[in-house]
């Protein structure tokens, strides 16, 4: 089951590449990353989720919602 994030501030292909690099570095396995959307293969644990959120903030991206 996929776990989806909506992310504000992802406006170009470079943002998509940056988010992919972040996910790989944590590591968080993902199914798809597109402008404004991230689909993870499974729900991240609290530490992974916090790390992902903090790194996104460093590059001025913000999670709008997750489901």
Protein backbone atom coordinates (compact mmCIF):
# COMPACT_ATOMS: atom_id res chain seq x y z
CA UNK A 1 0.00 0.00 0.00
CA UNK A 2 1.40 3.38 -1.01
CA UNK A 3 1.72 6.28 1.39
CA UNK A 4 1.26 9.62 -0.38
CA UNK A 5 2.50 13.13 0.37
CA UNK A 6 1.43 16.40 -1.21
CA UNK A 7 4.33 18.85 -1.16
CA UNK A 8 4.19 22.58 -1.80
CA UNK A 9 7.02 24.34 -3.56
CA UNK A 10 7.87 21.54 -6.00
CA UNK A 11 7.66 23.48 -9.23
CA UNK A 12 10.22 21.96 -11.57
CA UNK A 13 12.09 18.82 -12.56
CA UNK A 14 15.06 19.86 -10.40
CA UNK A 15 12.76 19.75 -7.33
CA UNK A 16 11.71 16.23 -8.28
CA UNK A 17 15.36 15.16 -8.56
CA UNK A 18 16.18 16.78 -5.20
CA UNK A 19 13.31 15.00 -3.45
CA UNK A 20 14.36 11.68 -4.99
CA UNK A 21 17.89 12.23 -3.66
CA UNK A 22 16.52 13.03 -0.20
CA UNK A 23 14.38 9.89 -0.16
CA UNK A 24 17.35 7.75 -1.22
CA UNK A 25 19.57 9.27 1.49
CA UNK A 26 17.17 8.59 4.39
CA UNK A 27 16.44 5.82 2.93
CA UNK A 28 12.72 5.82 2.18
CA UNK A 29 11.68 3.52 -0.68
CA UNK A 30 9.38 5.34 -3.09
CA UNK A 31 7.15 4.34 -5.97
CA UNK A 32 6.88 7.71 -7.67
CA UNK A 33 7.98 11.33 -7.30
CA UNK A 34 6.35 13.99 -9.47
CA UNK A 35 5.81 17.72 -9.17
CA UNK A 36 3.93 18.23 -5.91
CA UNK A 37 3.52 14.51 -5.12
CA UNK A 38 5.50 11.73 -3.47
CA UNK A 39 4.30 8.14 -3.22
CA UNK A 40 6.21 5.97 -0.75
CA UNK A 41 6.11 2.17 -0.79
CA UNK A 42 5.26 2.03 2.92
CA UNK A 43 4.48 4.31 5.83
CA UNK A 44 7.66 5.87 7.25
CA UNK A 45 8.47 5.52 10.95
CA UNK A 46 8.53 8.66 13.14
CA UNK A 47 12.26 9.23 12.71
CA UNK A 48 12.14 8.88 8.92
CA UNK A 49 9.13 11.16 8.70
CA UNK A 50 10.75 13.84 10.88
CA UNK A 51 14.03 13.65 8.93
CA UNK A 52 12.20 13.90 5.59
CA UNK A 53 10.21 16.91 6.81
CA UNK A 54 13.32 18.69 8.17
CA UNK A 55 15.35 18.19 4.99
CA UNK A 56 12.43 19.40 2.85
CA UNK A 57 12.23 22.57 4.95
CA UNK A 58 15.94 23.20 4.33
CA UNK A 59 15.21 23.50 0.60
CA UNK A 60 11.96 25.47 1.13
CA UNK A 61 9.56 22.60 0.44
CA UNK A 62 6.70 21.79 2.78
CA UNK A 63 4.44 18.79 3.29
CA UNK A 64 0.82 19.86 2.83
CA UNK A 65 -0.80 16.54 3.69
CA UNK A 66 -0.08 12.87 3.90
CA UNK A 67 -2.41 9.93 3.56
